[in-house]
Each structure stands twice: as structure tokens, then as C-alpha cells.
Amino acid sequence: MRKSFAGIYRPIKDYILIFLGTVLYAFGFNGFILSNEIVPGGLTGVASFIYYGTGLPVSVSYAAINVILLTFAFKILGRRFIINSVFGILSLTFTLMFFEWLLKGKPLVDGEPFMSVLIGAVACGTGLGIIFSANGSTGGTDIIGAIVNKYKNISIGRVLLYCDFVIIACSYLIFHSIEKIVFGYVIMFTELYLLDRVLNANNQSVQFLIFSRKYREIVDSIIKDLDRGCTLLNGEGGYSKEPVKVIVLLAKKKESAMIFRMIKNIDKEAFISQGNVQGVYGEGFDRIKT
């Protein structure tokens, strides 16, 4: 029963997070970037070109181009990739439509283009981080990156970076302004930074190596008080040549202070090594992602 509930709860939670991420992205994009005539990277940047040139809403061209890309991706990348992308694409399309209707192309901050760029980039980068942390995708250049990666030994991240550089640089053809290109690159790097911070915020874990003669008591306390498992390794003192037990413990970073207090209460002479680790997957941590 518990497993079946988790099987239902996790996908619903992911869909809610993807939707919230697209709301944040669409708000930042329409309210602070598009309204100040700045071309960002990604497919929304391409859709911005079309908007500035023809007046066609970004949401419409964004959806149309994604349909074309998904058609190619279905043949090349398979059904699973499509399923993981469709919800994010639909959600972002409708949230873009909503904020186009609500804001009507007017900037939320008048006369402060650089401030608008920063606020918009923070909102978009955070939104993308939330979407990707929920195993979602907004399609667009992600699809191009996945296709190139399948046939060439080039990482998806590098393909996306190349695409963004070219898309932003091409904004000169419309505005003939170096300043707007610079603003576009500020958006790109700010989004990348926020995306990385959001994705890794929940992955900050620590690894403890604990050396103590009272290892049994410490292990019992870890299991009982922390509700975590640990591993005992057999070791040998380099100087003393005596056998020792080493406790290996993985925990969330926020639990560090509690762990130190617990060990100190049991054995003040314990030797402890703490190191930061990233991307711990399994029971008690994050789900294994594919």
C-alpha cells in the first residue's frame, strides 16, 4: 500500500513542480525580458525573434516549433523522451499565453533595463531549476541537444551553450545594439548559475568517516536517533597496527551539527572526518535519476 501510494504521489508532485516552474519562467520572461526587447537563449529566444519581426505571440511560435522538433525526436529518441517533454512544453505554452494576456507586453519595471534583465534571469533560471529537478523538460534546444548527443560525442550541455550563444548574438540583426547582446549574455549566465544552484540545493550531503572504540554505541545511536543506516569497515592502524572499525555515514548537510553532538556525547576522543558529497541516491536521499 505504501509503495503504491509513493508510486502515485511522486509523479503528481513532479507535475506540480513542473507547472510551478513554468509559471515562474513565463512570468520572468514576459514581465522583464521580452517586454524590454531582449533576446534570451533557447527556443524562447528564437520565438522572440519571430515576435519582434512579425508580431506573432511567443507562445504560438514556441508551441509550433516544438511540435516540429518533437516529430523528429519521436523517430530518433523514442517515446519515453517525448512523454517526459510534452507536459513541460504544454505547461510553458499555456503559462506564456496567460502572461502575454495579463501583462500585454508592458515591462513591470520602466526605465531600468539592467534591473529587469537580472530579475527576469533570476525568475527564469529558478523556474528552469525547479522544472529540471522534477525530471521535466521544456523541449526546444533540449531536443536538439539530445539529438546531437546521440550521434556525436558532444555533451547536451555544450550543445545548448553553443545554441544560446548563436541565438543571442543574432539579436544584433534585429536591434543593431551591442548592449542588448550583452544583456542577453547576462541573462544566459545568470540562468545557468541559478539553474545549477536550484538543482544542487537538495543534493548537498556529507560523508562522515568515524573512528571510535565506542563504535557500537555510535552505530546504535545513528540507527535509533537519526533513523539512518551506516556501514562498518574493517581497518588497521598504520602506526599501532591494531585492528580498528571505521563507521561510514552519509547524511544531509543540515544534520551535521546533530551528528557531531551525538558523537561527542558518546566519545569525546572520537576521530571524525567530514566531507561534502553531491548526488547521493537511494533510500533516505534522492531517487535514482535516468
C-alpha atoms as a PDB file:
ATOM      1  CA  MET A   1       0.000   0.000   0.000  1.00  0.00           C
ATOM      2  CA  ARG A   2       2.793   2.373   0.940  1.00  0.00           C
ATOM      3  CA  LYS A   3       4.691   1.629  -2.278  1.00  0.00           C
ATOM      4  CA  SER A   4       1.588   2.129  -4.413  1.00  0.00           C
ATOM      5  CA  PHE A   5       0.922   5.478  -2.717  1.00  0.00           C
ATOM      6  CA  ALA A   6       4.506   6.578  -3.361  1.00  0.00           C
ATOM      7  CA  GLY A   7       4.154   5.496  -6.982  1.00  0.00           C
ATOM      8  CA  ILE A   8       1.155   7.820  -7.376  1.00  0.00           C
ATOM      9  CA  TYR A   9       2.418  10.687  -5.201  1.00  0.00           C
ATOM     10  CA  ARG A  10       5.814  11.165  -6.858  1.00  0.00           C
ATOM     11  CA  PRO A  11       4.554  11.734 -10.440  1.00  0.00           C
ATOM     12  CA  ILE A  12       1.861  14.127  -9.179  1.00  0.00           C
ATOM     13  CA  LYS A  13       4.450  16.012  -7.146  1.00  0.00           C
ATOM     14  CA  ASP A  14       6.714  16.228 -10.226  1.00  0.00           C
ATOM     15  CA  TYR A  15       3.884  17.584 -12.391  1.00  0.00           C
ATOM     16  CA  ILE A  16       3.015  20.220  -9.788  1.00  0.00           C
ATOM     17  CA  LEU A  17       6.666  21.321  -9.567  1.00  0.00           C
ATOM     18  CA  ILE A  18       6.991  21.435 -13.363  1.00  0.00           C
ATOM     19  CA  PHE A  19       3.871  23.608 -13.562  1.00  0.00           C
ATOM     20  CA  LEU A  20       5.127  25.981 -10.842  1.00  0.00           C
ATOM     21  CA  GLY A  21       8.488  26.179 -12.613  1.00  0.00           C
ATOM     22  CA  THR A  22       6.847  27.117 -15.917  1.00  0.00           C
ATOM     23  CA  VAL A  23       4.725  29.766 -14.178  1.00  0.00           C
ATOM     24  CA  LEU A  24       7.864  31.339 -12.711  1.00  0.00           C
ATOM     25  CA  TYR A  25       9.692  31.138 -16.039  1.00  0.00           C
ATOM     26  CA  ALA A  26       6.802  32.634 -18.047  1.00  0.00           C
ATOM     27  CA  PHE A  27       6.389  35.466 -15.527  1.00  0.00           C
ATOM     28  CA  GLY A  28      10.086  36.376 -15.618  1.00  0.00           C
ATOM     29  CA  PHE A  29      10.281  36.083 -19.391  1.00  0.00           C
ATOM     30  CA  ASN A  30       7.181  38.155 -20.232  1.00  0.00           C
ATOM     31  CA  GLY A  31       7.417  40.684 -17.427  1.00  0.00           C
ATOM     32  CA  PHE A  32      11.114  41.517 -17.537  1.00  0.00           C
ATOM     33  CA  ILE A  33      12.847  40.142 -20.644  1.00  0.00           C
ATOM     34  CA  LEU A  34      10.515  40.150 -23.653  1.00  0.00           C
ATOM     35  CA  SER A  35       8.938  43.468 -22.630  1.00  0.00           C
ATOM     36  CA  ASN A  36      12.417  45.096 -22.673  1.00  0.00           C
ATOM     37  CA  GLU A  37      13.220  43.729 -26.152  1.00  0.00           C
ATOM     38  CA  ILE A  38      15.982  41.394 -25.005  1.00  0.00           C
ATOM     39  CA  VAL A  39      16.587  38.085 -26.793  1.00  0.00           C
ATOM     40  CA  PRO A  40      17.479  35.256 -24.375  1.00  0.00           C
ATOM     41  CA  GLY A  41      18.841  31.853 -25.314  1.00  0.00           C
ATOM     42  CA  GLY A  42      16.859  28.719 -26.064  1.00  0.00           C
ATOM     43  CA  LEU A  43      13.725  28.282 -28.112  1.00  0.00           C
ATOM     44  CA  THR A  44      12.066  31.229 -26.367  1.00  0.00           C
ATOM     45  CA  GLY A  45      14.895  33.320 -27.863  1.00  0.00           C
ATOM     46  CA  VAL A  46      14.049  32.045 -31.348  1.00  0.00           C
ATOM     47  CA  ALA A  47      10.357  32.719 -30.668  1.00  0.00           C
ATOM     48  CA  SER A  48      11.324  36.235 -29.538  1.00  0.00           C
ATOM     49  CA  PHE A  49      12.941  36.837 -32.962  1.00  0.00           C
ATOM     50  CA  ILE A  50       9.711  35.855 -34.652  1.00  0.00           C
ATOM     51  CA  TYR A  51       7.712  38.071 -32.298  1.00  0.00           C
ATOM     52  CA  TYR A  52       9.872  41.148 -32.885  1.00  0.00           C
ATOM     53  CA  GLY A  53       9.820  40.555 -36.645  1.00  0.00           C
ATOM     54  CA  THR A  54       6.187  39.582 -37.234  1.00  0.00           C
ATOM     55  CA  GLY A  55       4.256  40.263 -34.021  1.00  0.00           C
ATOM     56  CA  LEU A  56       3.316  36.569 -33.693  1.00  0.00           C
ATOM     57  CA  PRO A  57       2.985  35.758 -29.978  1.00  0.00           C
ATOM     58  CA  VAL A  58       5.908  33.863 -28.474  1.00  0.00           C
ATOM     59  CA  SER A  59       3.601  31.154 -27.111  1.00  0.00           C
ATOM     60  CA  VAL A  60       2.312  30.321 -30.605  1.00  0.00           C
ATOM     61  CA  SER A  61       5.691  30.055 -32.345  1.00  0.00           C
ATOM     62  CA  TYR A  62       7.161  28.267 -29.313  1.00  0.00           C
ATOM     63  CA  ALA A  63       4.445  25.595 -29.490  1.00  0.00           C
ATOM     64  CA  ALA A  64       4.657  25.260 -33.287  1.00  0.00           C
ATOM     65  CA  ILE A  65       8.443  24.797 -33.363  1.00  0.00           C
ATOM     66  CA  ASN A  66       8.251  22.278 -30.526  1.00  0.00           C
ATOM     67  CA  VAL A  67       5.703  20.216 -32.465  1.00  0.00           C
ATOM     68  CA  ILE A  68       8.166  20.011 -35.373  1.00  0.00           C
ATOM     69  CA  LEU A  69      11.080  19.128 -33.076  1.00  0.00           C
ATOM     70  CA  LEU A  70       9.045  16.504 -31.221  1.00  0.00           C
ATOM     71  CA  THR A  71       8.134  14.859 -34.528  1.00  0.00           C
ATOM     72  CA  PHE A  72      11.823  14.366 -35.311  1.00  0.00           C
ATOM     73  CA  ALA A  73      12.614  13.410 -31.708  1.00  0.00           C
ATOM     74  CA  PHE A  74       9.961  10.678 -31.702  1.00  0.00           C
ATOM     75  CA  LYS A  75      11.711   8.866 -34.530  1.00  0.00           C
ATOM     76  CA  ILE A  76      15.220   9.414 -33.168  1.00  0.00           C
ATOM     77  CA  LEU A  77      14.937   9.490 -29.363  1.00  0.00           C
ATOM     78  CA  GLY A  78      11.868   7.349 -28.728  1.00  0.00           C
ATOM     79  CA  ARG A  79       8.578   7.552 -26.854  1.00  0.00           C
ATOM     80  CA  ARG A  80       9.959   7.953 -23.317  1.00  0.00           C
ATOM     81  CA  PHE A  81      11.783  11.190 -24.168  1.00  0.00           C
ATOM     82  CA  ILE A  82       8.603  12.577 -25.732  1.00  0.00           C
ATOM     83  CA  ILE A  83       6.464  11.730 -22.690  1.00  0.00           C
ATOM     84  CA  ASN A  84       8.934  13.458 -20.354  1.00  0.00           C
ATOM     85  CA  SER A  85       8.904  16.593 -22.522  1.00  0.00           C
ATOM     86  CA  VAL A  86       5.252  17.006 -23.526  1.00  0.00           C
ATOM     87  CA  PHE A  87       3.883  18.122 -20.152  1.00  0.00           C
ATOM     88  CA  GLY A  88       6.588  20.758 -19.689  1.00  0.00           C
ATOM     89  CA  ILE A  89       6.058  22.081 -23.227  1.00  0.00           C
ATOM     90  CA  LEU A  90       2.264  22.274 -22.828  1.00  0.00           C
ATOM     91  CA  SER A  91       2.558  23.872 -19.407  1.00  0.00           C
ATOM     92  CA  LEU A  92       5.032  26.513 -20.576  1.00  0.00           C
ATOM     93  CA  THR A  93       2.952  27.224 -23.693  1.00  0.00           C
ATOM     94  CA  PHE A  94      -0.186  27.963 -21.641  1.00  0.00           C
ATOM     95  CA  THR A  95       1.651  29.966 -18.960  1.00  0.00           C
ATOM     96  CA  LEU A  96       3.315  32.062 -21.676  1.00  0.00           C
ATOM     97  CA  MET A  97      -0.147  32.679 -23.164  1.00  0.00           C
ATOM     98  CA  PHE A  98      -1.511  33.665 -19.767  1.00  0.00           C
ATOM     99  CA  PHE A  99       1.180  36.249 -19.028  1.00  0.00           C
ATOM    100  CA  GLU A 100       1.020  37.588 -22.598  1.00  0.00           C
ATOM    101  CA  TRP A 101      -2.665  38.265 -21.967  1.00  0.00           C
ATOM    102  CA  LEU A 102      -2.141  39.569 -18.428  1.00  0.00           C
ATOM    103  CA  LEU A 103       0.858  41.859 -18.997  1.00  0.00           C
ATOM    104  CA  LYS A 104       0.110  42.820 -22.617  1.00  0.00           C
ATOM    105  CA  GLY A 105       3.823  43.288 -23.431  1.00  0.00           C
ATOM    106  CA  LYS A 106       4.346  46.045 -20.855  1.00  0.00           C
ATOM    107  CA  PRO A 107       7.516  45.956 -18.712  1.00  0.00           C
ATOM    108  CA  LEU A 108       6.965  45.640 -14.979  1.00  0.00           C
ATOM    109  CA  VAL A 109       9.973  47.895 -14.298  1.00  0.00           C
ATOM    110  CA  ASP A 110      10.128  51.002 -16.511  1.00  0.00           C
ATOM    111  CA  GLY A 111      13.411  52.675 -17.415  1.00  0.00           C
ATOM    112  CA  GLU A 112      15.611  50.064 -15.689  1.00  0.00           C
ATOM    113  CA  PRO A 113      16.618  47.540 -18.375  1.00  0.00           C
ATOM    114  CA  PHE A 114      19.554  46.047 -16.460  1.00  0.00           C
ATOM    115  CA  MET A 115      17.484  45.555 -13.307  1.00  0.00           C
ATOM    116  CA  SER A 116      14.770  43.956 -15.432  1.00  0.00           C
ATOM    117  CA  VAL A 117      17.335  41.640 -17.007  1.00  0.00           C
ATOM    118  CA  LEU A 118      18.570  40.480 -13.597  1.00  0.00           C
ATOM    119  CA  ILE A 119      15.090  39.972 -12.143  1.00  0.00           C
ATOM    120  CA  GLY A 120      13.903  38.149 -15.253  1.00  0.00           C
ATOM    121  CA  ALA A 121      17.008  35.945 -15.374  1.00  0.00           C
ATOM    122  CA  VAL A 122      16.640  35.021 -11.692  1.00  0.00           C
ATOM    123  CA  ALA A 123      12.977  34.098 -12.208  1.00  0.00           C
ATOM    124  CA  CYS A 124      13.672  32.110 -15.395  1.00  0.00           C
ATOM    125  CA  GLY A 125      16.749  30.336 -14.000  1.00  0.00           C
ATOM    126  CA  THR A 126      14.927  29.388 -10.804  1.00  0.00           C
ATOM    127  CA  GLY A 127      11.930  28.183 -12.813  1.00  0.00           C
ATOM    128  CA  LEU A 128      14.120  26.022 -15.040  1.00  0.00           C
ATOM    129  CA  GLY A 129      15.870  24.611 -11.967  1.00  0.00           C
ATOM    130  CA  ILE A 130      12.520  23.595 -10.478  1.00  0.00           C
ATOM    131  CA  ILE A 131      11.444  22.012 -13.776  1.00  0.00           C
ATOM    132  CA  PHE A 132      14.658  20.015 -14.222  1.00  0.00           C
ATOM    133  CA  SER A 133      14.748  18.965 -10.555  1.00  0.00           C
ATOM    134  CA  ALA A 134      11.338  17.346 -11.163  1.00  0.00           C
ATOM    135  CA  ASN A 135      12.722  15.431 -14.176  1.00  0.00           C
ATOM    136  CA  GLY A 136      10.873  17.757 -16.535  1.00  0.00           C
ATOM    137  CA  SER A 137      11.877  19.436 -19.786  1.00  0.00           C
ATOM    138  CA  THR A 138      10.726  22.464 -21.736  1.00  0.00           C
ATOM    139  CA  GLY A 139      11.696  20.963 -25.074  1.00  0.00           C
ATOM    140  CA  GLY A 140      13.219  23.379 -27.581  1.00  0.00           C
ATOM    141  CA  THR A 141      17.002  23.297 -27.728  1.00  0.00           C
ATOM    142  CA  ASP A 142      16.938  20.434 -25.191  1.00  0.00           C
ATOM    143  CA  ILE A 143      15.616  18.268 -28.032  1.00  0.00           C
ATOM    144  CA  ILE A 144      18.315  19.486 -30.424  1.00  0.00           C
ATOM    145  CA  GLY A 145      20.967  18.792 -27.790  1.00  0.00           C
ATOM    146  CA  ALA A 146      19.675  15.266 -27.190  1.00  0.00           C
ATOM    147  CA  ILE A 147      19.626  14.500 -30.937  1.00  0.00           C
ATOM    148  CA  VAL A 148      23.176  15.809 -31.488  1.00  0.00           C
ATOM    149  CA  ASN A 149      24.397  13.943 -28.403  1.00  0.00           C
ATOM    150  CA  LYS A 150      23.019  10.668 -29.781  1.00  0.00           C
ATOM    151  CA  TYR A 151      25.108  10.845 -32.957  1.00  0.00           C
ATOM    152  CA  LYS A 152      28.113  12.917 -31.870  1.00  0.00           C
ATOM    153  CA  ASN A 153      30.348  12.726 -28.805  1.00  0.00           C
ATOM    154  CA  ILE A 154      29.248  16.186 -27.624  1.00  0.00           C
ATOM    155  CA  SER A 155      27.501  16.725 -24.295  1.00  0.00           C
ATOM    156  CA  ILE A 156      23.963  18.092 -24.273  1.00  0.00           C
ATOM    157  CA  GLY A 157      25.080  20.994 -22.070  1.00  0.00           C
ATOM    158  CA  ARG A 158      27.707  22.053 -24.599  1.00  0.00           C
ATOM    159  CA  VAL A 159      25.223  21.900 -27.477  1.00  0.00           C
ATOM    160  CA  LEU A 160      22.778  24.079 -25.514  1.00  0.00           C
ATOM    161  CA  LEU A 161      25.542  26.569 -24.723  1.00  0.00           C
ATOM    162  CA  TYR A 162      26.527  26.844 -28.401  1.00  0.00           C
ATOM    163  CA  CYS A 163      22.889  27.307 -29.417  1.00  0.00           C
ATOM    164  CA  ASP A 164      22.362  30.038 -26.813  1.00  0.00           C
ATOM    165  CA  PHE A 165      25.488  31.931 -27.896  1.00  0.00           C
ATOM    166  CA  VAL A 166      24.383  31.922 -31.534  1.00  0.00           C
ATOM    167  CA  ILE A 167      20.745  32.854 -30.802  1.00  0.00           C
ATOM    168  CA  ILE A 168      21.700  35.792 -28.576  1.00  0.00           C
ATOM    169  CA  ALA A 169      24.384  37.049 -30.993  1.00  0.00           C
ATOM    170  CA  CYS A 170      21.838  37.022 -33.827  1.00  0.00           C
ATOM    171  CA  SER A 171      19.746  39.622 -31.967  1.00  0.00           C
ATOM    172  CA  TYR A 172      22.098  42.193 -33.492  1.00  0.00           C
ATOM    173  CA  LEU A 173      20.374  41.571 -36.830  1.00  0.00           C
ATOM    174  CA  ILE A 174      17.154  42.987 -35.384  1.00  0.00           C
ATOM    175  CA  PHE A 175      18.213  45.679 -32.902  1.00  0.00           C
ATOM    176  CA  HIS A 176      21.743  46.572 -34.102  1.00  0.00           C
ATOM    177  CA  SER A 177      22.665  47.000 -30.451  1.00  0.00           C
ATOM    178  CA  ILE A 178      25.702  45.530 -28.688  1.00  0.00           C
ATOM    179  CA  GLU A 179      24.089  46.485 -25.375  1.00  0.00           C
ATOM    180  CA  LYS A 180      21.158  44.133 -25.971  1.00  0.00           C
ATOM    181  CA  ILE A 181      23.558  41.299 -26.842  1.00  0.00           C
ATOM    182  CA  VAL A 182      25.421  41.917 -23.569  1.00  0.00           C
ATOM    183  CA  PHE A 183      22.105  41.869 -21.678  1.00  0.00           C
ATOM    184  CA  GLY A 184      21.257  38.578 -23.403  1.00  0.00           C
ATOM    185  CA  TYR A 185      24.519  37.007 -22.216  1.00  0.00           C
ATOM    186  CA  VAL A 186      23.914  38.332 -18.687  1.00  0.00           C
ATOM    187  CA  ILE A 187      20.559  36.519 -18.767  1.00  0.00           C
ATOM    188  CA  MET A 188      22.187  33.329 -20.045  1.00  0.00           C
ATOM    189  CA  PHE A 189      24.909  33.146 -17.384  1.00  0.00           C
ATOM    190  CA  THR A 190      22.551  34.172 -14.578  1.00  0.00           C
ATOM    191  CA  GLU A 191      20.076  31.473 -15.622  1.00  0.00           C
ATOM    192  CA  LEU A 192      22.841  28.861 -15.719  1.00  0.00           C
ATOM    193  CA  TYR A 193      24.032  29.853 -12.245  1.00  0.00           C
ATOM    194  CA  LEU A 194      20.522  29.781 -10.735  1.00  0.00           C
ATOM    195  CA  LEU A 195      19.726  26.528 -12.531  1.00  0.00           C
ATOM    196  CA  ASP A 196      22.792  24.886 -11.020  1.00  0.00           C
ATOM    197  CA  ARG A 197      22.067  26.252  -7.540  1.00  0.00           C
ATOM    198  CA  VAL A 198      18.460  25.044  -7.550  1.00  0.00           C
ATOM    199  CA  LEU A 199      19.355  21.606  -8.920  1.00  0.00           C
ATOM    200  CA  ASN A 200      22.056  21.076  -6.313  1.00  0.00           C
ATOM    201  CA  ALA A 201      20.271  22.679  -3.360  1.00  0.00           C
ATOM    202  CA  ASN A 202      18.664  19.399  -2.321  1.00  0.00           C
ATOM    203  CA  ASN A 203      21.733  17.329  -3.147  1.00  0.00           C
ATOM    204  CA  GLN A 204      24.037  18.816  -0.509  1.00  0.00           C
ATOM    205  CA  SER A 205      25.046  15.826   1.525  1.00  0.00           C
ATOM    206  CA  VAL A 206      28.002  14.948   3.732  1.00  0.00           C
ATOM    207  CA  GLN A 207      30.025  11.818   4.302  1.00  0.00           C
ATOM    208  CA  PHE A 208      31.432  11.006   7.731  1.00  0.00           C
ATOM    209  CA  LEU A 209      34.288   8.651   8.490  1.00  0.00           C
ATOM    210  CA  ILE A 210      34.150   7.992  12.236  1.00  0.00           C
ATOM    211  CA  PHE A 211      36.931   6.246  14.177  1.00  0.00           C
ATOM    212  CA  SER A 212      35.993   5.325  17.736  1.00  0.00           C
ATOM    213  CA  ARG A 213      36.451   2.499  20.234  1.00  0.00           C
ATOM    214  CA  LYS A 214      32.784   3.018  21.128  1.00  0.00           C
ATOM    215  CA  TYR A 215      31.666   2.359  17.584  1.00  0.00           C
ATOM    216  CA  ARG A 216      28.851   0.043  18.650  1.00  0.00           C
ATOM    217  CA  GLU A 217      27.185   2.758  20.722  1.00  0.00           C
ATOM    218  CA  ILE A 218      27.613   5.287  17.915  1.00  0.00           C
ATOM    219  CA  VAL A 219      26.107   2.897  15.350  1.00  0.00           C
ATOM    220  CA  ASP A 220      23.130   2.214  17.637  1.00  0.00           C
ATOM    221  CA  SER A 221      22.576   5.957  18.098  1.00  0.00           C
ATOM    222  CA  ILE A 222      22.768   6.589  14.337  1.00  0.00           C
ATOM    223  CA  ILE A 223      20.107   3.978  13.689  1.00  0.00           C
ATOM    224  CA  LYS A 224      17.868   4.911  16.620  1.00  0.00           C
ATOM    225  CA  ASP A 225      18.196   8.721  16.844  1.00  0.00           C
ATOM    226  CA  LEU A 226      18.985   9.684  13.243  1.00  0.00           C
ATOM    227  CA  ASP A 227      16.901   6.947  11.621  1.00  0.00           C
ATOM    228  CA  ARG A 228      19.748   6.331   9.171  1.00  0.00           C
ATOM    229  CA  GLY A 229      21.842   3.365   8.206  1.00  0.00           C
ATOM    230  CA  CYS A 230      25.623   3.245   8.171  1.00  0.00           C
ATOM    231  CA  THR A 231      28.432   0.894   7.212  1.00  0.00           C
ATOM    232  CA  LEU A 232      31.211  -0.615   9.326  1.00  0.00           C
ATOM    233  CA  LEU A 233      34.569  -1.125   7.637  1.00  0.00           C
ATOM    234  CA  ASN A 234      37.481  -3.129   8.982  1.00  0.00           C
ATOM    235  CA  GLY A 235      40.714  -1.173   9.183  1.00  0.00           C
ATOM    236  CA  GLU A 236      44.159  -1.288  10.714  1.00  0.00           C
ATOM    237  CA  GLY A 237      46.058   1.491  12.428  1.00  0.00           C
ATOM    238  CA  GLY A 238      49.090   2.478  10.388  1.00  0.00           C
ATOM    239  CA  TYR A 239      51.204   3.175  13.455  1.00  0.00           C
ATOM    240  CA  SER A 240      49.688   0.909  16.100  1.00  0.00           C
ATOM    241  CA  LYS A 241      49.000  -1.992  13.701  1.00  0.00           C
ATOM    242  CA  GLU A 242      45.893  -2.650  15.760  1.00  0.00           C
ATOM    243  CA  PRO A 243      42.535  -3.502  14.131  1.00  0.00           C
ATOM    244  CA  VAL A 244      40.016  -0.626  14.068  1.00  0.00           C
ATOM    245  CA  LYS A 245      36.418  -0.178  12.994  1.00  0.00           C
ATOM    246  CA  VAL A 246      35.516   2.684  10.669  1.00  0.00           C
ATOM    247  CA  ILE A 247      31.921   3.951  10.511  1.00  0.00           C
ATOM    248  CA  VAL A 248      30.879   5.331   7.120  1.00  0.00           C
ATOM    249  CA  LEU A 249      27.818   7.564   7.340  1.00  0.00           C
ATOM    250  CA  LEU A 250      26.052   9.537   4.603  1.00  0.00           C
ATOM    251  CA  ALA A 251      23.671  12.257   5.777  1.00  0.00           C
ATOM    252  CA  LYS A 252      22.110  15.547   4.765  1.00  0.00           C
ATOM    253  CA  LYS A 253      24.305  18.586   5.401  1.00  0.00           C
ATOM    254  CA  LYS A 254      21.720  20.091   7.752  1.00  0.00           C
ATOM    255  CA  GLU A 255      22.136  17.042  10.015  1.00  0.00           C
ATOM    256  CA  SER A 256      25.872  17.673  10.548  1.00  0.00           C
ATOM    257  CA  ALA A 257      25.581  19.570  13.835  1.00  0.00           C
ATOM    258  CA  MET A 258      23.278  16.906  15.287  1.00  0.00           C
ATOM    259  CA  ILE A 259      25.743  14.167  14.298  1.00  0.00           C
ATOM    260  CA  PHE A 260      28.686  15.934  15.917  1.00  0.00           C
ATOM    261  CA  ARG A 261      26.731  16.449  19.145  1.00  0.00           C
ATOM    262  CA  MET A 262      25.683  12.812  19.175  1.00  0.00           C
ATOM    263  CA  ILE A 263      29.248  11.532  18.705  1.00  0.00           C
ATOM    264  CA  LYS A 264      30.641  13.948  21.297  1.00  0.00           C
ATOM    265  CA  ASN A 265      28.123  12.739  23.893  1.00  0.00           C
ATOM    266  CA  ILE A 266      29.244   9.137  23.329  1.00  0.00           C
ATOM    267  CA  ASP A 267      33.002   9.511  22.761  1.00  0.00           C
ATOM    268  CA  LYS A 268      34.834  12.829  23.120  1.00  0.00           C
ATOM    269  CA  GLU A 269      38.019  11.179  21.847  1.00  0.00           C
ATOM    270  CA  ALA A 270      36.486  10.031  18.563  1.00  0.00           C
ATOM    271  CA  PHE A 271      38.313  10.915  15.342  1.00  0.00           C
ATOM    272  CA  ILE A 272      35.942  12.268  12.666  1.00  0.00           C
ATOM    273  CA  SER A 273      36.413  13.180   9.032  1.00  0.00           C
ATOM    274  CA  GLN A 274      33.641  15.092   7.240  1.00  0.00           C
ATOM    275  CA  GLY A 275      33.496  15.710   3.500  1.00  0.00           C
ATOM    276  CA  ASN A 276      30.925  17.250   1.175  1.00  0.00           C
ATOM    277  CA  VAL A 277      29.415  14.952  -1.433  1.00  0.00           C
ATOM    278  CA  GLN A 278      26.961  15.677  -4.219  1.00  0.00           C
ATOM    279  CA  GLY A 279      24.351  13.471  -5.781  1.00  0.00           C
ATOM    280  CA  VAL A 280      23.578  10.796  -3.192  1.00  0.00           C
ATOM    281  CA  TYR A 281      20.852   8.485  -4.449  1.00  0.00           C
ATOM    282  CA  GLY A 282      18.956   5.720  -2.708  1.00  0.00           C
ATOM    283  CA  GLU A 283      16.736   5.221   0.329  1.00  0.00           C
ATOM    284  CA  GLY A 284      16.714   8.300   2.568  1.00  0.00           C
ATOM    285  CA  PHE A 285      18.137  10.523  -0.187  1.00  0.00           C
ATOM    286  CA  ASP A 286      17.148  11.326  -3.781  1.00  0.00           C
ATOM    287  CA  ARG A 287      15.643   8.923  -6.267  1.00  0.00           C
ATOM    288  CA  ILE A 288      17.991   7.420  -8.824  1.00  0.00           C
ATOM    289  CA  LYS A 289      17.548   9.504 -11.991  1.00  0.00           C
ATOM    290  CA  THR A 290      17.868   8.237 -15.536  1.00  0.00           C
END
